[in-house]
C-alpha atoms as a PDB file:
ATOM      1  CA  MET A   1     -32.851  22.979  -5.708  1.00  0.00           C
ATOM      2  CA  ASP A   2     -31.330  25.467  -3.412  1.00  0.00           C
ATOM      3  CA  GLY A   3     -32.001  24.276  -0.139  1.00  0.00           C
ATOM      4  CA  MET A   4     -30.701  24.115   3.510  1.00  0.00           C
ATOM      5  CA  HIS A   5     -28.706  20.855   2.398  1.00  0.00           C
ATOM      6  CA  ASP A   6     -26.299  22.859   0.088  1.00  0.00           C
ATOM      7  CA  LEU A   7     -24.042  24.227   3.139  1.00  0.00           C
ATOM      8  CA  GLY A   8     -20.737  23.494   1.059  1.00  0.00           C
ATOM      9  CA  GLY A   9     -18.704  26.765   0.783  1.00  0.00           C
ATOM     10  CA  LYS A  10     -20.838  28.758   3.351  1.00  0.00           C
ATOM     11  CA  GLN A  11     -19.098  30.733   5.875  1.00  0.00           C
ATOM     12  CA  GLY A  12     -20.179  31.818   9.622  1.00  0.00           C
ATOM     13  CA  PHE A  13     -20.798  28.059  10.813  1.00  0.00           C
ATOM     14  CA  GLY A  14     -17.623  28.090  12.720  1.00  0.00           C
ATOM     15  CA  PRO A  15     -14.948  25.535  12.679  1.00  0.00           C
ATOM     16  CA  VAL A  16     -15.463  21.888  11.374  1.00  0.00           C
ATOM     17  CA  ARG A  17     -15.528  19.720  14.099  1.00  0.00           C
ATOM     18  CA  TYR A  18     -14.345  16.046  13.316  1.00  0.00           C
ATOM     19  CA  THR A  19     -12.847  13.024  15.192  1.00  0.00           C
ATOM     20  CA  PRO A  20     -10.185  11.248  13.613  1.00  0.00           C
ATOM     21  CA  ILE A  21     -11.270   7.801  14.484  1.00  0.00           C
ATOM     22  CA  ALA A  22     -15.096   8.220  14.686  1.00  0.00           C
ATOM     23  CA  ALA A  23     -17.548   5.412  15.134  1.00  0.00           C
ATOM     24  CA  VAL A  24     -19.585   4.611  12.110  1.00  0.00           C
ATOM     25  CA  PHE A  25     -22.513   3.840  14.280  1.00  0.00           C
ATOM     26  CA  HIS A  26     -23.687   5.151  17.645  1.00  0.00           C
ATOM     27  CA  GLU A  27     -26.846   3.510  18.150  1.00  0.00           C
ATOM     28  CA  ARG A  28     -28.164  -0.014  17.037  1.00  0.00           C
ATOM     29  CA  TRP A  29     -31.239   1.342  15.203  1.00  0.00           C
ATOM     30  CA  GLU A  30     -28.371   3.358  12.912  1.00  0.00           C
ATOM     31  CA  LYS A  31     -27.085  -0.277  11.656  1.00  0.00           C
ATOM     32  CA  ARG A  32     -30.610  -1.260  10.801  1.00  0.00           C
ATOM     33  CA  ALA A  33     -31.456   1.929   9.114  1.00  0.00           C
ATOM     34  CA  ASN A  34     -28.290   1.610   7.118  1.00  0.00           C
ATOM     35  CA  ALA A  35     -28.930  -1.942   5.998  1.00  0.00           C
ATOM     36  CA  LEU A  36     -32.762  -1.025   4.831  1.00  0.00           C
ATOM     37  CA  TYR A  37     -31.264   2.014   2.677  1.00  0.00           C
ATOM     38  CA  SER A  38     -28.944  -0.866   0.978  1.00  0.00           C
ATOM     39  CA  LEU A  39     -31.636  -3.250   0.454  1.00  0.00           C
ATOM     40  CA  ALA A  40     -34.200  -0.833  -0.774  1.00  0.00           C
ATOM     41  CA  VAL A  41     -31.741   0.327  -3.684  1.00  0.00           C
ATOM     42  CA  LYS A  42     -30.982  -3.336  -4.377  1.00  0.00           C
ATOM     43  CA  LEU A  43     -34.569  -4.161  -4.807  1.00  0.00           C
ATOM     44  CA  GLY A  44     -34.994  -1.247  -7.140  1.00  0.00           C
ATOM     45  CA  ILE A  45     -37.509   0.388  -4.896  1.00  0.00           C
ATOM     46  CA  PHE A  46     -35.557   3.827  -5.435  1.00  0.00           C
ATOM     47  CA  ASN A  47     -32.170   4.903  -6.609  1.00  0.00           C
ATOM     48  CA  MET A  48     -29.377   6.859  -5.383  1.00  0.00           C
ATOM     49  CA  ASP A  49     -30.753  10.511  -6.971  1.00  0.00           C
ATOM     50  CA  GLU A  50     -34.138   9.804  -5.371  1.00  0.00           C
ATOM     51  CA  TYR A  51     -32.571   8.789  -2.110  1.00  0.00           C
ATOM     52  CA  ARG A  52     -30.585  12.270  -2.166  1.00  0.00           C
ATOM     53  CA  HIS A  53     -33.362  14.478  -3.406  1.00  0.00           C
ATOM     54  CA  ALA A  54     -35.756  13.322  -0.621  1.00  0.00           C
ATOM     55  CA  ILE A  55     -33.109  14.154   1.970  1.00  0.00           C
ATOM     56  CA  GLU A  56     -32.946  17.668   0.350  1.00  0.00           C
ATOM     57  CA  ARG A  57     -36.608  17.914   0.500  1.00  0.00           C
ATOM     58  CA  MET A  58     -36.644  17.712   4.252  1.00  0.00           C
ATOM     59  CA  GLU A  59     -38.230  20.758   6.135  1.00  0.00           C
ATOM     60  CA  PRO A  60     -35.252  23.081   6.858  1.00  0.00           C
ATOM     61  CA  ARG A  61     -35.606  22.805  10.841  1.00  0.00           C
ATOM     62  CA  HIS A  62     -35.775  19.054  10.733  1.00  0.00           C
ATOM     63  CA  TYR A  63     -32.828  18.759   8.413  1.00  0.00           C
ATOM     64  CA  LEU A  64     -30.393  20.753  10.518  1.00  0.00           C
ATOM     65  CA  SER A  65     -31.556  19.036  13.951  1.00  0.00           C
ATOM     66  CA  ALA A  66     -31.557  15.622  12.494  1.00  0.00           C
ATOM     67  CA  SER A  67     -28.528  13.205  12.541  1.00  0.00           C
ATOM     68  CA  TYR A  68     -26.843  11.399   9.429  1.00  0.00           C
ATOM     69  CA  TYR A  69     -29.003   8.485  10.070  1.00  0.00           C
ATOM     70  CA  GLU A  70     -32.073  10.179  11.061  1.00  0.00           C
ATOM     71  CA  ARG A  71     -31.871  12.064   7.677  1.00  0.00           C
ATOM     72  CA  SER A  72     -31.118   8.720   5.738  1.00  0.00           C
ATOM     73  CA  LEU A  73     -34.446   7.175   7.390  1.00  0.00           C
ATOM     74  CA  THR A  74     -36.558  10.093   6.552  1.00  0.00           C
ATOM     75  CA  SER A  75     -35.620   9.810   2.997  1.00  0.00           C
ATOM     76  CA  ARG A  76     -36.433   5.940   2.815  1.00  0.00           C
ATOM     77  CA  ALA A  77     -39.497   6.415   4.667  1.00  0.00           C
ATOM     78  CA  THR A  78     -40.816   9.354   2.395  1.00  0.00           C
ATOM     79  CA  LEU A  79     -39.875   7.463  -0.523  1.00  0.00           C
ATOM     80  CA  CYS A  80     -41.546   4.142   0.667  1.00  0.00           C
ATOM     81  CA  VAL A  81     -44.675   6.028   1.186  1.00  0.00           C
ATOM     82  CA  GLU A  82     -44.801   8.066  -2.218  1.00  0.00           C
ATOM     83  CA  LYS A  83     -44.002   4.698  -3.951  1.00  0.00           C
ATOM     84  CA  GLY A  84     -46.885   2.898  -2.449  1.00  0.00           C
ATOM     85  CA  VAL A  85     -44.601   0.534  -0.504  1.00  0.00           C
ATOM     86  CA  VAL A  86     -46.171   1.485   2.878  1.00  0.00           C
ATOM     87  CA  THR A  87     -48.851   4.144   3.842  1.00  0.00           C
ATOM     88  CA  ARG A  88     -48.080   7.074   6.226  1.00  0.00           C
ATOM     89  CA  GLU A  89     -50.912   5.615   8.532  1.00  0.00           C
ATOM     90  CA  GLU A  90     -49.076   2.166   8.738  1.00  0.00           C
ATOM     91  CA  LEU A  91     -45.742   3.889   8.930  1.00  0.00           C
ATOM     92  CA  GLU A  92     -46.712   5.994  11.955  1.00  0.00           C
ATOM     93  CA  ALA A  93     -48.793   3.083  13.714  1.00  0.00           C
ATOM     94  CA  ARG A  94     -45.585   0.886  13.737  1.00  0.00           C
ATOM     95  CA  ALA A  95     -43.625   3.950  14.836  1.00  0.00           C
ATOM     96  CA  GLY A  96     -46.003   4.591  17.778  1.00  0.00           C
ATOM     97  CA  GLY A  97     -46.645   8.052  16.734  1.00  0.00           C
ATOM     98  CA  ARG A  98     -46.131  11.087  14.144  1.00  0.00           C
ATOM     99  CA  PHE A  99     -43.421  10.153  11.772  1.00  0.00           C
ATOM    100  CA  PRO A 100     -42.242  13.491   9.946  1.00  0.00           C
ATOM    101  CA  LEU A 101     -41.477  13.045   6.131  1.00  0.00           C
ATOM    102  CA  ALA A 102     -39.845  15.014   3.314  1.00  0.00           C
ATOM    103  CA  LEU A 103     -41.789  17.854   1.862  1.00  0.00           C
ATOM    104  CA  PRO A 104     -43.425  17.221  -1.919  1.00  0.00           C
ATOM    105  CA  SER A 105     -40.963  17.017  -4.852  1.00  0.00           C
ATOM    106  CA  ALA A 106     -40.734  19.482  -7.625  1.00  0.00           C
ATOM    107  CA  PRO A 107     -40.560  18.339 -11.332  1.00  0.00           C
ATOM    108  CA  GLY A 108     -37.084  17.437 -12.628  1.00  0.00           C
ATOM    109  CA  ARG A 109     -35.737  18.314 -15.991  1.00  0.00           C
ATOM    110  CA  SER A 110     -33.800  16.168 -18.785  1.00  0.00           C
ATOM    111  CA  ASN A 111     -30.284  17.209 -20.093  1.00  0.00           C
ATOM    112  CA  VAL A 112     -29.666  20.408 -21.384  1.00  0.00           C
ATOM    113  CA  ALA A 113     -30.113  20.167 -25.356  1.00  0.00           C
ATOM    114  CA  ARG A 114     -26.838  21.930 -26.408  1.00  0.00           C
ATOM    115  CA  ARG A 115     -24.044  20.256 -24.604  1.00  0.00           C
ATOM    116  CA  GLU A 116     -20.436  20.576 -25.031  1.00  0.00           C
ATOM    117  CA  SER A 117     -17.621  18.046 -24.802  1.00  0.00           C
ATOM    118  CA  PHE A 118     -14.336  19.394 -22.976  1.00  0.00           C
ATOM    119  CA  ALA A 119     -11.014  18.039 -22.818  1.00  0.00           C
ATOM    120  CA  PRO A 120      -8.161  18.651 -20.167  1.00  0.00           C
ATOM    121  CA  GLY A 121      -6.991  22.242 -20.485  1.00  0.00           C
ATOM    122  CA  ASP A 122     -10.709  23.555 -21.671  1.00  0.00           C
ATOM    123  CA  ARG A 123     -11.701  26.898 -19.760  1.00  0.00           C
ATOM    124  CA  VAL A 124     -15.268  26.358 -18.598  1.00  0.00           C
ATOM    125  CA  ARG A 125     -18.084  28.418 -16.890  1.00  0.00           C
ATOM    126  CA  VAL A 126     -20.366  26.956 -14.246  1.00  0.00           C
ATOM    127  CA  THR A 127     -24.040  27.671 -15.404  1.00  0.00           C
ATOM    128  CA  THR A 128     -26.143  29.608 -13.003  1.00  0.00           C
ATOM    129  CA  ASP A 129     -29.390  27.735 -13.700  1.00  0.00           C
ATOM    130  CA  GLN A 130     -31.885  27.691 -10.611  1.00  0.00           C
ATOM    131  CA  VAL A 131     -33.440  24.180 -10.622  1.00  0.00           C
ATOM    132  CA  PRO A 132     -36.652  23.513  -8.626  1.00  0.00           C
ATOM    133  CA  GLY A 133     -36.009  19.700  -8.502  1.00  0.00           C
ATOM    134  CA  HIS A 134     -32.679  17.828  -7.692  1.00  0.00           C
ATOM    135  CA  VAL A 135     -29.389  19.191  -9.056  1.00  0.00           C
ATOM    136  CA  ARG A 136     -25.836  17.998  -8.053  1.00  0.00           C
ATOM    137  CA  LEU A 137     -24.381  21.283  -8.565  1.00  0.00           C
ATOM    138  CA  PRO A 138     -23.173  23.034  -5.350  1.00  0.00           C
ATOM    139  CA  ALA A 139     -23.999  26.796  -5.294  1.00  0.00           C
ATOM    140  CA  TYR A 140     -20.538  27.950  -4.413  1.00  0.00           C
ATOM    141  CA  VAL A 141     -19.215  27.186  -7.937  1.00  0.00           C
ATOM    142  CA  ARG A 142     -22.176  28.649 -10.084  1.00  0.00           C
ATOM    143  CA  GLY A 143     -21.085  31.153 -12.333  1.00  0.00           C
ATOM    144  CA  LYS A 144     -17.587  30.734 -11.767  1.00  0.00           C
ATOM    145  CA  VAL A 145     -14.850  29.361 -14.206  1.00  0.00           C
ATOM    146  CA  GLY A 146     -12.459  26.811 -13.781  1.00  0.00           C
ATOM    147  CA  VAL A 147     -10.090  24.633 -16.052  1.00  0.00           C
ATOM    148  CA  VAL A 148     -10.925  20.948 -16.900  1.00  0.00           C
ATOM    149  CA  VAL A 149      -8.393  18.517 -15.643  1.00  0.00           C
ATOM    150  CA  GLY A 150      -9.925  15.032 -16.205  1.00  0.00           C
ATOM    151  CA  THR A 151     -13.184  13.400 -17.111  1.00  0.00           C
ATOM    152  CA  SER A 152     -15.373  10.558 -15.417  1.00  0.00           C
ATOM    153  CA  PRO A 153     -17.422   7.799 -17.076  1.00  0.00           C
ATOM    154  CA  ALA A 154     -21.074   8.880 -17.871  1.00  0.00           C
ATOM    155  CA  TYR A 155     -23.611   8.467 -15.398  1.00  0.00           C
ATOM    156  CA  PRO A 156     -27.456   8.937 -15.118  1.00  0.00           C
ATOM    157  CA  PHE A 157     -28.034  12.785 -15.338  1.00  0.00           C
ATOM    158  CA  PRO A 158     -29.250  13.525 -11.590  1.00  0.00           C
ATOM    159  CA  ASP A 159     -31.402  16.257 -12.350  1.00  0.00           C
ATOM    160  CA  ALA A 160     -33.827  13.457 -14.487  1.00  0.00           C
ATOM    161  CA  HIS A 161     -32.698  10.374 -12.568  1.00  0.00           C
ATOM    162  CA  ALA A 162     -33.996  11.566  -9.202  1.00  0.00           C
ATOM    163  CA  HIS A 163     -37.671  12.428 -10.738  1.00  0.00           C
ATOM    164  CA  GLY A 164     -37.827   9.579 -13.278  1.00  0.00           C
ATOM    165  CA  VAL A 165     -37.566  12.001 -16.233  1.00  0.00           C
ATOM    166  CA  ALA A 166     -36.006  10.422 -19.597  1.00  0.00           C
ATOM    167  CA  ALA A 167     -32.430  11.502 -20.279  1.00  0.00           C
ATOM    168  CA  VAL A 168     -29.204  10.092 -21.523  1.00  0.00           C
ATOM    169  CA  ASP A 169     -26.212   9.528 -19.426  1.00  0.00           C
ATOM    170  CA  GLU A 170     -23.723  12.089 -19.451  1.00  0.00           C
ATOM    171  CA  PRO A 171     -20.111  12.645 -18.182  1.00  0.00           C
ATOM    172  CA  THR A 172     -18.680  14.354 -15.229  1.00  0.00           C
ATOM    173  CA  PHE A 173     -15.591  16.957 -15.538  1.00  0.00           C
ATOM    174  CA  ASP A 174     -12.949  17.391 -12.915  1.00  0.00           C
ATOM    175  CA  VAL A 175     -12.921  21.090 -12.820  1.00  0.00           C
ATOM    176  CA  ARG A 176     -10.266  22.978 -11.048  1.00  0.00           C
ATOM    177  CA  PHE A 177     -10.961  26.418  -9.461  1.00  0.00           C
ATOM    178  CA  ASP A 178      -8.725  28.757  -7.887  1.00  0.00           C
ATOM    179  CA  ALA A 179     -10.045  29.026  -4.109  1.00  0.00           C
ATOM    180  CA  ASN A 180      -9.650  32.869  -4.314  1.00  0.00           C
ATOM    181  CA  ASP A 181     -11.758  33.075  -7.636  1.00  0.00           C
ATOM    182  CA  LEU A 182     -14.678  30.969  -5.219  1.00  0.00           C
ATOM    183  CA  TRP A 183     -14.256  33.183  -2.118  1.00  0.00           C
ATOM    184  CA  PRO A 184     -12.461  36.454  -3.081  1.00  0.00           C
ATOM    185  CA  ASN A 185     -10.250  37.958  -0.194  1.00  0.00           C
ATOM    186  CA  ALA A 186     -11.277  35.099   2.111  1.00  0.00           C
ATOM    187  CA  ALA A 187      -9.583  31.915   1.110  1.00  0.00           C
ATOM    188  CA  ASP A 188      -5.981  30.737   1.568  1.00  0.00           C
ATOM    189  CA  PRO A 189      -4.046  29.846  -1.714  1.00  0.00           C
ATOM    190  CA  ALA A 190      -5.291  26.702  -2.972  1.00  0.00           C
ATOM    191  CA  PHE A 191      -7.219  24.705  -5.502  1.00  0.00           C
ATOM    192  CA  VAL A 192     -10.443  23.343  -5.365  1.00  0.00           C
ATOM    193  CA  HIS A 193     -11.358  20.221  -7.608  1.00  0.00           C
ATOM    194  CA  VAL A 194     -15.344  19.858  -8.299  1.00  0.00           C
ATOM    195  CA  GLY A 195     -16.918  16.806 -10.248  1.00  0.00           C
ATOM    196  CA  ILE A 196     -19.430  18.750 -12.570  1.00  0.00           C
ATOM    197  CA  PHE A 197     -22.001  17.071 -15.105  1.00  0.00           C
ATOM    198  CA  GLN A 198     -21.877  18.031 -18.841  1.00  0.00           C
ATOM    199  CA  SER A 199     -25.118  20.063 -18.608  1.00  0.00           C
ATOM    200  CA  TYR A 200     -23.826  22.512 -16.003  1.00  0.00           C
ATOM    201  CA  LEU A 201     -20.938  23.486 -17.942  1.00  0.00           C
ATOM    202  CA  GLU A 202     -20.410  26.119 -20.830  1.00  0.00           C
ATOM    203  CA  ARG A 203     -17.109  26.795 -22.744  1.00  0.00           C
ATOM    204  CA  GLU A 204     -15.395  29.993 -21.649  1.00  0.00           C
ATOM    205  CA  GLU A 205     -13.332  31.696 -24.416  1.00  0.00           C
END
């Protein structure tokens, strides 16, 4: 889905602020929230792609104003309510008030039927599919041409895995792009590498 979460490659947000030696946690509740997320995955309550998609589904103003661990907590609470682990009423009773959850999900999709395999050196074009559900394809590479430089082991196709849709695992390809092809006249000379699932790629002759 194309949501507020897909900020990669966007301009106009100013410089990226970072601290070389930043604390992992700033509040005690963040440690507990992180531990509960790990426990839920271990128990099979939800998978990583469901977790990511629930964050994507957050109301945009909430997403932009929330911290990293608040987004994580919102995702986990949303999935626990959707899967019947807890009701929203029980959640809000424990929280002592309103608890904002992510918006409803859209349907997922299975693998693209006609997929090709690629080898290092192959030129590929990224599809321009608009997917209403979860997708692990950043908007800034859609429709762009790059060169395959490597392959990673097969992994559950996220467009399906986030929605409980049947699909086969597929590899991701390490695709190298010229930064000036991604952002014409607005980037320093450089290469950008992106791991892209097989269903998102087409051969470029």
